[in-house]
Amino acid sequence: MPAMTEVLFALLVDYGAVLIMAVTFASCVALPVPASLVMLVAGALAAAGDLGLSNLLVGAYVGAVLGDIAGYWMARGLEGALATRLSPGPRVRALMSEARHQLLARGGVAVFLTRWLLSPLGPYVNFAAGASRMPMRVFLPWDAAGELIWVTGYLGLGYTAASQLPQVIAMASNFAGLTMAVAVALVLMLWLQWKMRQLRAKRRAETDPAAP
């Protein structure tokens, strides 16, 4: 088990809701912290009577939502400066444009699902939502609903399955790896779609130079 994870587990008894708020916040701004595993252990500690479950729920939920909002506003504030200074090439610009289009077309559902079902993608959807200037009135309700599922799901699982916690942690780790693989597959699919559109456009231009 990584050293950082062990330290976080050890600090849970003393810092409880404050620690779990900090961990969920950090994970939602793309910092590499094991938020889901920490919530599982916190739920088990609540089942043993070492921590209060309601305090953990509030702390984890507030941290997650605030982290999502922070990621959204960071991307919204820096988007113009980054675009100017980084000057991405045509391929990156095309991928960014397509990602924004998909987010705006299915934005609410995309935000909701990446809070819990595809949680490794969550921080990056926050950034995309901010950069594409998705209205906060759209982003926040879907975000809040999805984070409620994520927080109650992991804390509740840790609480109800405290006696089988090692097995539950192993299953959660495998699930996280699976969702990351799905995320990579989605990005690859997006890139392949872009390449196919470019190839079709090139063929049309070669066969009909007057075509747009």
Protein backbone atom coordinates (compact mmCIF):
# COMPACT_ATOMS: atom_id res chain seq x y z
CA MET A 1 0.00 0.00 0.00
CA PRO A 2 1.48 3.41 -0.95
CA ALA A 3 2.93 5.41 1.93
CA MET A 4 0.58 8.36 1.38
CA THR A 5 -2.45 6.10 1.65
CA GLU A 6 -1.18 4.61 4.91
CA VAL A 7 -0.60 8.09 6.35
CA LEU A 8 -4.11 9.21 5.40
CA PHE A 9 -5.62 6.11 6.99
CA ALA A 10 -3.65 6.74 10.20
CA LEU A 11 -4.82 10.37 10.36
CA LEU A 12 -8.49 9.52 9.91
CA VAL A 13 -9.18 8.71 13.57
CA ASP A 14 -7.81 12.06 14.75
CA TYR A 15 -9.03 14.34 11.99
CA GLY A 16 -12.09 12.54 10.63
CA ALA A 17 -14.44 14.86 8.76
CA VAL A 18 -11.82 17.60 8.27
CA LEU A 19 -9.38 15.18 6.66
CA ILE A 20 -11.98 13.59 4.43
CA MET A 21 -13.15 17.04 3.30
CA ALA A 22 -9.57 17.93 2.34
CA VAL A 23 -9.07 14.61 0.53
CA THR A 24 -12.25 14.81 -1.56
CA PHE A 25 -11.51 18.44 -2.39
CA ALA A 26 -8.00 17.56 -3.54
CA SER A 27 -9.18 14.64 -5.68
CA CYS A 28 -11.70 16.87 -7.45
CA VAL A 29 -8.98 19.30 -8.55
CA ALA A 30 -6.97 16.40 -10.02
CA LEU A 31 -4.49 15.91 -7.18
CA PRO A 32 -3.44 12.23 -6.84
CA VAL A 33 -5.08 11.29 -3.55
CA PRO A 34 -7.00 8.00 -2.95
CA ALA A 35 -10.30 9.65 -2.00
CA SER A 36 -12.51 6.62 -2.64
CA LEU A 37 -10.32 4.32 -0.52
CA VAL A 38 -10.16 6.89 2.28
CA MET A 39 -13.96 7.06 2.30
CA LEU A 40 -14.21 3.27 2.50
CA VAL A 41 -11.91 3.19 5.54
CA ALA A 42 -13.72 6.14 7.12
CA GLY A 43 -17.01 4.29 6.75
CA ALA A 44 -15.53 1.24 8.46
CA LEU A 45 -14.25 3.42 11.31
CA ALA A 46 -17.72 4.90 11.67
CA ALA A 47 -19.17 1.38 11.91
CA ALA A 48 -16.69 0.65 14.72
CA GLY A 49 -17.81 3.77 16.58
CA ASP A 50 -14.54 5.66 16.14
CA LEU A 51 -16.03 8.37 13.91
CA GLY A 52 -19.45 9.91 13.36
CA LEU A 53 -20.99 8.84 10.05
CA SER A 54 -23.07 11.99 9.61
CA ASN A 55 -20.02 14.24 10.07
CA LEU A 56 -18.10 12.18 7.53
CA LEU A 57 -20.94 12.43 5.01
CA VAL A 58 -21.14 16.19 5.35
CA GLY A 59 -17.36 16.66 5.22
CA ALA A 60 -16.84 14.43 2.18
CA TYR A 61 -19.77 15.93 0.30
CA VAL A 62 -18.83 19.55 0.97
CA GLY A 63 -15.20 18.88 0.02
CA ALA A 64 -16.19 17.16 -3.23
CA VAL A 65 -18.62 19.86 -4.38
CA LEU A 66 -16.25 22.69 -3.44
CA GLY A 67 -13.42 20.92 -5.27
CA ASP A 68 -15.54 20.59 -8.40
CA ILE A 69 -16.49 24.26 -8.26
CA ALA A 70 -12.83 25.22 -7.74
CA GLY A 71 -11.75 23.18 -10.78
CA TYR A 72 -14.53 24.74 -12.85
CA TRP A 73 -13.54 28.31 -11.96
CA MET A 74 -9.80 27.67 -12.29
CA ALA A 75 -10.30 26.47 -15.86
CA ARG A 76 -12.71 29.29 -16.64
CA GLY A 77 -10.30 31.91 -15.36
CA LEU A 78 -7.16 30.47 -16.99
CA GLU A 79 -8.61 29.24 -20.26
CA GLY A 80 -7.87 32.38 -22.26
CA ALA A 81 -4.33 32.75 -20.94
CA LEU A 82 -3.51 29.09 -21.52
CA ALA A 83 -4.86 29.14 -25.05
CA THR A 84 -2.72 32.20 -25.84
CA ARG A 85 0.54 31.02 -24.28
CA LEU A 86 0.44 27.35 -25.15
CA SER A 87 -0.66 27.89 -28.79
CA PRO A 88 -1.82 24.28 -29.27
CA GLY A 89 -1.42 22.68 -32.67
CA PRO A 90 -4.33 21.88 -35.00
CA ARG A 91 -4.81 18.36 -33.64
CA VAL A 92 -5.06 19.56 -30.03
CA ARG A 93 -7.37 22.41 -31.05
CA ALA A 94 -9.63 19.94 -32.87
CA LEU A 95 -9.76 17.63 -29.84
CA MET A 96 -10.52 20.54 -27.51
CA SER A 97 -13.28 21.75 -29.83
CA GLU A 98 -14.84 18.29 -30.04
CA ALA A 99 -14.62 17.79 -26.27
CA ARG A 100 -16.38 21.10 -25.68
CA HIS A 101 -19.04 20.20 -28.22
CA GLN A 102 -19.72 16.86 -26.52
CA LEU A 103 -19.83 18.48 -23.10
CA LEU A 104 -22.26 21.17 -24.21
CA ALA A 105 -24.44 18.65 -26.06
CA ARG A 106 -24.59 16.15 -23.17
CA GLY A 107 -23.16 18.35 -20.47
CA GLY A 108 -25.41 17.62 -17.54
CA VAL A 109 -25.31 13.85 -18.00
CA ALA A 110 -21.54 13.91 -18.58
CA VAL A 111 -21.01 15.85 -15.35
CA PHE A 112 -23.33 13.52 -13.41
CA LEU A 113 -21.77 10.26 -14.58
CA THR A 114 -18.18 11.41 -14.02
CA ARG A 115 -18.90 12.15 -10.37
CA TRP A 116 -19.34 8.46 -9.50
CA LEU A 117 -19.47 5.98 -12.40
CA LEU A 118 -16.43 7.36 -14.25
CA SER A 119 -14.90 9.25 -11.36
CA PRO A 120 -11.30 9.30 -12.73
CA LEU A 121 -12.62 11.60 -15.47
CA GLY A 122 -14.37 13.92 -13.02
CA PRO A 123 -11.67 16.58 -12.50
CA TYR A 124 -11.06 16.88 -16.23
CA VAL A 125 -14.75 17.31 -16.95
CA ASN A 126 -14.72 20.09 -14.35
CA PHE A 127 -11.92 21.79 -16.27
CA ALA A 128 -13.68 21.27 -19.59
CA ALA A 129 -16.93 22.66 -18.18
CA GLY A 130 -15.18 25.78 -16.93
CA ALA A 131 -13.13 26.27 -20.09
CA SER A 132 -16.22 25.90 -22.28
CA ARG A 133 -18.16 28.26 -19.97
CA MET A 134 -20.94 25.83 -19.21
CA PRO A 135 -23.46 27.81 -17.13
CA MET A 136 -23.05 27.19 -13.42
CA ARG A 137 -26.83 26.75 -13.15
CA VAL A 138 -26.41 23.65 -15.36
CA PHE A 139 -23.14 22.38 -13.92
CA LEU A 140 -23.90 22.61 -10.22
CA PRO A 141 -27.19 20.63 -9.91
CA TRP A 142 -25.81 17.69 -11.92
CA ASP A 143 -22.54 17.88 -10.00
CA ALA A 144 -24.25 17.95 -6.61
CA ALA A 145 -26.47 14.97 -7.50
CA GLY A 146 -23.54 12.90 -8.75
CA GLU A 147 -21.31 13.68 -5.79
CA LEU A 148 -24.10 12.62 -3.42
CA ILE A 149 -24.04 9.17 -5.02
CA TRP A 150 -20.22 8.99 -4.87
CA VAL A 151 -19.95 10.03 -1.23
CA THR A 152 -22.86 8.03 0.17
CA GLY A 153 -21.90 5.02 -1.94
CA TYR A 154 -18.32 4.70 -0.72
CA LEU A 155 -18.93 5.72 2.87
CA GLY A 156 -21.99 3.49 3.02
CA LEU A 157 -20.11 0.55 1.55
CA GLY A 158 -17.30 0.96 4.08
CA TYR A 159 -19.85 1.19 6.87
CA THR A 160 -21.91 -1.87 5.91
CA ALA A 161 -18.97 -4.07 4.86
CA ALA A 162 -16.54 -3.12 7.64
CA SER A 163 -15.80 -6.75 8.50
CA GLN A 164 -14.72 -7.46 4.89
CA LEU A 165 -12.85 -4.17 4.41
CA PRO A 166 -9.64 -5.60 2.82
CA GLN A 167 -11.68 -7.40 0.17
CA VAL A 168 -13.81 -4.30 -0.45
CA ILE A 169 -10.71 -2.11 -0.85
CA ALA A 170 -9.28 -4.59 -3.37
CA MET A 171 -12.54 -4.56 -5.33
CA ALA A 172 -12.65 -0.75 -5.27
CA SER A 173 -9.07 -0.53 -6.53
CA ASN A 174 -9.88 -2.89 -9.40
CA PHE A 175 -12.98 -0.85 -10.26
CA ALA A 176 -10.92 2.34 -10.31
CA GLY A 177 -8.51 0.70 -12.73
CA LEU A 178 -11.42 -0.38 -14.93
CA THR A 179 -12.93 3.10 -15.05
CA MET A 180 -9.56 4.58 -15.94
CA ALA A 181 -9.29 2.11 -18.81
CA VAL A 182 -12.75 3.15 -19.98
CA ALA A 183 -11.70 6.79 -19.83
CA VAL A 184 -8.62 6.09 -21.97
CA ALA A 185 -10.78 4.19 -24.45
CA LEU A 186 -13.16 7.15 -24.71
CA VAL A 187 -10.30 9.55 -25.41
CA LEU A 188 -8.91 7.17 -28.05
CA MET A 189 -12.34 6.87 -29.66
CA LEU A 190 -12.60 10.66 -29.82
CA TRP A 191 -9.18 10.90 -31.48
CA LEU A 192 -10.08 8.20 -34.03
CA GLN A 193 -13.33 9.98 -34.91
CA TRP A 194 -11.39 13.19 -35.52
CA LYS A 195 -8.87 11.36 -37.72
CA MET A 196 -11.65 9.76 -39.76
CA ARG A 197 -13.31 13.13 -40.34
CA GLN A 198 -9.97 14.58 -41.45
CA LEU A 199 -9.41 11.66 -43.84
CA ARG A 200 -12.90 11.96 -45.36
CA ALA A 201 -12.44 15.70 -45.82
CA LYS A 202 -9.08 15.12 -47.54
CA ARG A 203 -10.58 12.54 -49.90
CA ARG A 204 -13.45 14.88 -50.79
CA ALA A 205 -10.99 17.66 -51.52
CA GLU A 206 -8.94 15.36 -53.77
CA THR A 207 -11.93 14.08 -55.77
CA ASP A 208 -13.75 17.41 -55.96
CA PRO A 209 -11.49 20.44 -55.55
CA ALA A 210 -14.52 22.75 -55.63
CA ALA A 211 -16.10 21.03 -52.60
CA PRO A 212 -16.01 22.98 -49.30
